[in-house]
Amino acid sequence: QVQLVESGGGLVQAGGSLRLSCAASGSIFSFNVMGWYRQAPGKQRELVADITSDMTTRFADSAKGRFTISRENAKNTVYLQMNSLKPEDTAVYYCRWLGSGRNYWGQGTQVTVSS
């Protein structure tokens, strides 16, 4: 089992920045994917960005050019640096870990961007 602990959410003004962190612990396998998804009330959960243990990344179109994902494998931690935030980014952000056929989610952290 993998446990995910998220931090870094909060309230910011449009144009501001936040950095989310997610630390994974437990049965961490050699290859895995860690990423960030978000969900607003009444909407489906959607990918923001993810990154593999060998540092391959992907981003949602809405995140490209504004967000950066990185990870520190020694700490099993993934980061999401969010810049130029927009009100449309307001959502609960969830950390995800995927590996060896297993899938785990963090509890979510609220990000609110005021206009």
C-alpha atoms as a PDB file:
ATOM      1  CA  GLN A   1       0.000   0.000   0.000  1.00  0.00           C
ATOM      2  CA  VAL A   2       1.109   3.524  -0.793  1.00  0.00           C
ATOM      3  CA  GLN A   3       0.234   6.527   1.314  1.00  0.00           C
ATOM      4  CA  LEU A   4       0.242  10.009  -0.176  1.00  0.00           C
ATOM      5  CA  VAL A   5       0.515  13.189   1.847  1.00  0.00           C
ATOM      6  CA  GLU A   6      -0.178  16.452   0.054  1.00  0.00           C
ATOM      7  CA  SER A   7       0.596  20.006   1.034  1.00  0.00           C
ATOM      8  CA  GLY A   8       0.828  23.474  -0.432  1.00  0.00           C
ATOM      9  CA  GLY A   9      -2.735  24.329  -1.333  1.00  0.00           C
ATOM     10  CA  GLY A  10      -4.294  27.610  -0.403  1.00  0.00           C
ATOM     11  CA  LEU A  11      -5.805  30.858  -1.562  1.00  0.00           C
ATOM     12  CA  VAL A  12      -3.987  33.090  -4.025  1.00  0.00           C
ATOM     13  CA  GLN A  13      -4.835  35.968  -6.304  1.00  0.00           C
ATOM     14  CA  ALA A  14      -4.943  35.574 -10.050  1.00  0.00           C
ATOM     15  CA  GLY A  15      -1.438  35.759 -11.434  1.00  0.00           C
ATOM     16  CA  GLY A  16       0.072  34.356  -8.280  1.00  0.00           C
ATOM     17  CA  SER A  17       1.894  31.115  -7.653  1.00  0.00           C
ATOM     18  CA  LEU A  18       1.643  28.035  -5.495  1.00  0.00           C
ATOM     19  CA  ARG A  19       3.759  24.940  -5.129  1.00  0.00           C
ATOM     20  CA  LEU A  20       2.093  21.671  -4.260  1.00  0.00           C
ATOM     21  CA  SER A  21       4.006  18.780  -2.752  1.00  0.00           C
ATOM     22  CA  CYS A  22       3.110  15.125  -2.428  1.00  0.00           C
ATOM     23  CA  ALA A  23       5.199  12.618  -0.521  1.00  0.00           C
ATOM     24  CA  ALA A  24       4.648   8.921  -1.098  1.00  0.00           C
ATOM     25  CA  SER A  25       5.465   6.200   1.378  1.00  0.00           C
ATOM     26  CA  GLY A  26       4.923   2.466   1.564  1.00  0.00           C
ATOM     27  CA  SER A  27       5.482  -0.089  -1.173  1.00  0.00           C
ATOM     28  CA  ILE A  28       7.268   2.063  -3.700  1.00  0.00           C
ATOM     29  CA  PHE A  29       8.276   0.121  -6.798  1.00  0.00           C
ATOM     30  CA  SER A  30      11.147   0.833  -9.128  1.00  0.00           C
ATOM     31  CA  PHE A  31       8.950   2.241 -11.873  1.00  0.00           C
ATOM     32  CA  ASN A  32       5.972   4.410 -11.081  1.00  0.00           C
ATOM     33  CA  VAL A  33       4.080   7.478 -12.153  1.00  0.00           C
ATOM     34  CA  MET A  34       3.201  10.323  -9.844  1.00  0.00           C
ATOM     35  CA  GLY A  35       0.964  13.115 -10.896  1.00  0.00           C
ATOM     36  CA  TRP A  36      -1.577  15.756 -10.106  1.00  0.00           C
ATOM     37  CA  TYR A  37      -5.243  15.761 -10.991  1.00  0.00           C
ATOM     38  CA  ARG A  38      -7.865  18.310 -10.129  1.00  0.00           C
ATOM     39  CA  GLN A  39     -11.589  18.314  -9.667  1.00  0.00           C
ATOM     40  CA  ALA A  40     -13.992  21.196  -9.335  1.00  0.00           C
ATOM     41  CA  PRO A  41     -17.509  20.705  -7.914  1.00  0.00           C
ATOM     42  CA  GLY A  42     -19.796  19.110 -10.464  1.00  0.00           C
ATOM     43  CA  LYS A  43     -16.944  18.368 -12.857  1.00  0.00           C
ATOM     44  CA  GLN A  44     -14.888  15.311 -13.654  1.00  0.00           C
ATOM     45  CA  ARG A  45     -11.444  14.808 -12.257  1.00  0.00           C
ATOM     46  CA  GLU A  46      -8.864  15.730 -14.871  1.00  0.00           C
ATOM     47  CA  LEU A  47      -5.149  15.335 -15.348  1.00  0.00           C
ATOM     48  CA  VAL A  48      -3.006  18.374 -14.685  1.00  0.00           C
ATOM     49  CA  ALA A  49       0.448  16.841 -15.045  1.00  0.00           C
ATOM     50  CA  ASP A  50       2.338  13.696 -14.218  1.00  0.00           C
ATOM     51  CA  ILE A  51       5.882  12.421 -14.213  1.00  0.00           C
ATOM     52  CA  THR A  52       7.426   8.978 -14.306  1.00  0.00           C
ATOM     53  CA  SER A  53      10.257   7.747 -12.129  1.00  0.00           C
ATOM     54  CA  ASP A  54      12.566   8.161 -15.122  1.00  0.00           C
ATOM     55  CA  MET A  55      11.433  11.791 -15.476  1.00  0.00           C
ATOM     56  CA  THR A  56       9.104  11.641 -18.449  1.00  0.00           C
ATOM     57  CA  THR A  57       6.437  14.322 -18.090  1.00  0.00           C
ATOM     58  CA  ARG A  58       3.120  15.215 -19.589  1.00  0.00           C
ATOM     59  CA  PHE A  59       0.829  18.192 -19.097  1.00  0.00           C
ATOM     60  CA  ALA A  60      -2.721  19.136 -19.745  1.00  0.00           C
ATOM     61  CA  ASP A  61      -3.010  21.841 -22.372  1.00  0.00           C
ATOM     62  CA  SER A  62      -4.285  24.241 -19.730  1.00  0.00           C
ATOM     63  CA  ALA A  63      -1.126  23.724 -17.688  1.00  0.00           C
ATOM     64  CA  LYS A  64       1.483  23.987 -20.414  1.00  0.00           C
ATOM     65  CA  GLY A  65       3.664  27.039 -20.078  1.00  0.00           C
ATOM     66  CA  ARG A  66       2.413  27.819 -16.587  1.00  0.00           C
ATOM     67  CA  PHE A  67       2.932  24.707 -14.478  1.00  0.00           C
ATOM     68  CA  THR A  68       6.026  22.630 -13.877  1.00  0.00           C
ATOM     69  CA  ILE A  69       6.099  19.137 -12.449  1.00  0.00           C
ATOM     70  CA  SER A  70       9.181  17.614 -10.882  1.00  0.00           C
ATOM     71  CA  ARG A  71      10.073  14.822  -8.525  1.00  0.00           C
ATOM     72  CA  GLU A  72      12.750  13.838  -6.097  1.00  0.00           C
ATOM     73  CA  ASN A  73      13.021  10.074  -6.201  1.00  0.00           C
ATOM     74  CA  ALA A  74      15.130   9.772  -3.066  1.00  0.00           C
ATOM     75  CA  LYS A  75      12.212  11.246  -1.134  1.00  0.00           C
ATOM     76  CA  ASN A  76       9.456   9.782  -3.318  1.00  0.00           C
ATOM     77  CA  THR A  77       8.067  13.270  -3.581  1.00  0.00           C
ATOM     78  CA  VAL A  78       6.441  15.040  -6.492  1.00  0.00           C
ATOM     79  CA  TYR A  79       6.019  18.794  -6.828  1.00  0.00           C
ATOM     80  CA  LEU A  80       3.735  20.940  -8.900  1.00  0.00           C
ATOM     81  CA  GLN A  81       4.870  24.512  -9.356  1.00  0.00           C
ATOM     82  CA  MET A  82       1.906  26.562 -10.492  1.00  0.00           C
ATOM     83  CA  ASN A  83       2.535  30.026 -11.881  1.00  0.00           C
ATOM     84  CA  SER A  84       0.267  32.611 -13.478  1.00  0.00           C
ATOM     85  CA  LEU A  85      -2.706  31.095 -11.735  1.00  0.00           C
ATOM     86  CA  LYS A  86      -6.170  31.774 -13.069  1.00  0.00           C
ATOM     87  CA  PRO A  87      -9.581  31.517 -11.403  1.00  0.00           C
ATOM     88  CA  GLU A  88     -10.240  28.544 -13.687  1.00  0.00           C
ATOM     89  CA  ASP A  89      -7.500  26.678 -11.812  1.00  0.00           C
ATOM     90  CA  THR A  90      -9.652  26.630  -8.681  1.00  0.00           C
ATOM     91  CA  ALA A  91     -10.237  23.016  -7.709  1.00  0.00           C
ATOM     92  CA  VAL A  92      -9.282  20.293  -5.312  1.00  0.00           C
ATOM     93  CA  TYR A  93      -5.931  18.947  -6.412  1.00  0.00           C
ATOM     94  CA  TYR A  94      -5.217  15.270  -5.902  1.00  0.00           C
ATOM     95  CA  CYS A  95      -1.908  13.497  -5.954  1.00  0.00           C
ATOM     96  CA  ARG A  96      -1.840  10.136  -7.725  1.00  0.00           C
ATOM     97  CA  TRP A  97       0.615   7.264  -7.585  1.00  0.00           C
ATOM     98  CA  LEU A  98       0.525   4.454 -10.121  1.00  0.00           C
ATOM     99  CA  GLY A  99       2.823   1.462 -10.295  1.00  0.00           C
ATOM    100  CA  SER A 100       2.838  -2.314 -10.647  1.00  0.00           C
ATOM    101  CA  GLY A 101      -0.861  -2.352 -11.398  1.00  0.00           C
ATOM    102  CA  ARG A 102      -1.740  -0.397  -8.266  1.00  0.00           C
ATOM    103  CA  ASN A 103      -3.282   3.038  -8.091  1.00  0.00           C
ATOM    104  CA  TYR A 104      -3.505   5.331  -5.080  1.00  0.00           C
ATOM    105  CA  TRP A 105      -4.858   8.803  -4.458  1.00  0.00           C
ATOM    106  CA  GLY A 106      -4.110  11.437  -1.914  1.00  0.00           C
ATOM    107  CA  GLN A 107      -6.825  13.118   0.099  1.00  0.00           C
ATOM    108  CA  GLY A 108      -6.734  16.283  -1.978  1.00  0.00           C
ATOM    109  CA  THR A 109      -5.748  19.845  -1.262  1.00  0.00           C
ATOM    110  CA  GLN A 110      -7.849  22.885  -2.084  1.00  0.00           C
ATOM    111  CA  VAL A 111      -6.503  25.509  -4.447  1.00  0.00           C
ATOM    112  CA  THR A 112      -8.545  28.682  -4.758  1.00  0.00           C
ATOM    113  CA  VAL A 113      -7.601  31.479  -7.132  1.00  0.00           C
ATOM    114  CA  SER A 114      -9.411  34.762  -6.660  1.00  0.00           C
ATOM    115  CA  SER A 115     -10.043  37.161  -9.515  1.00  0.00           C
END
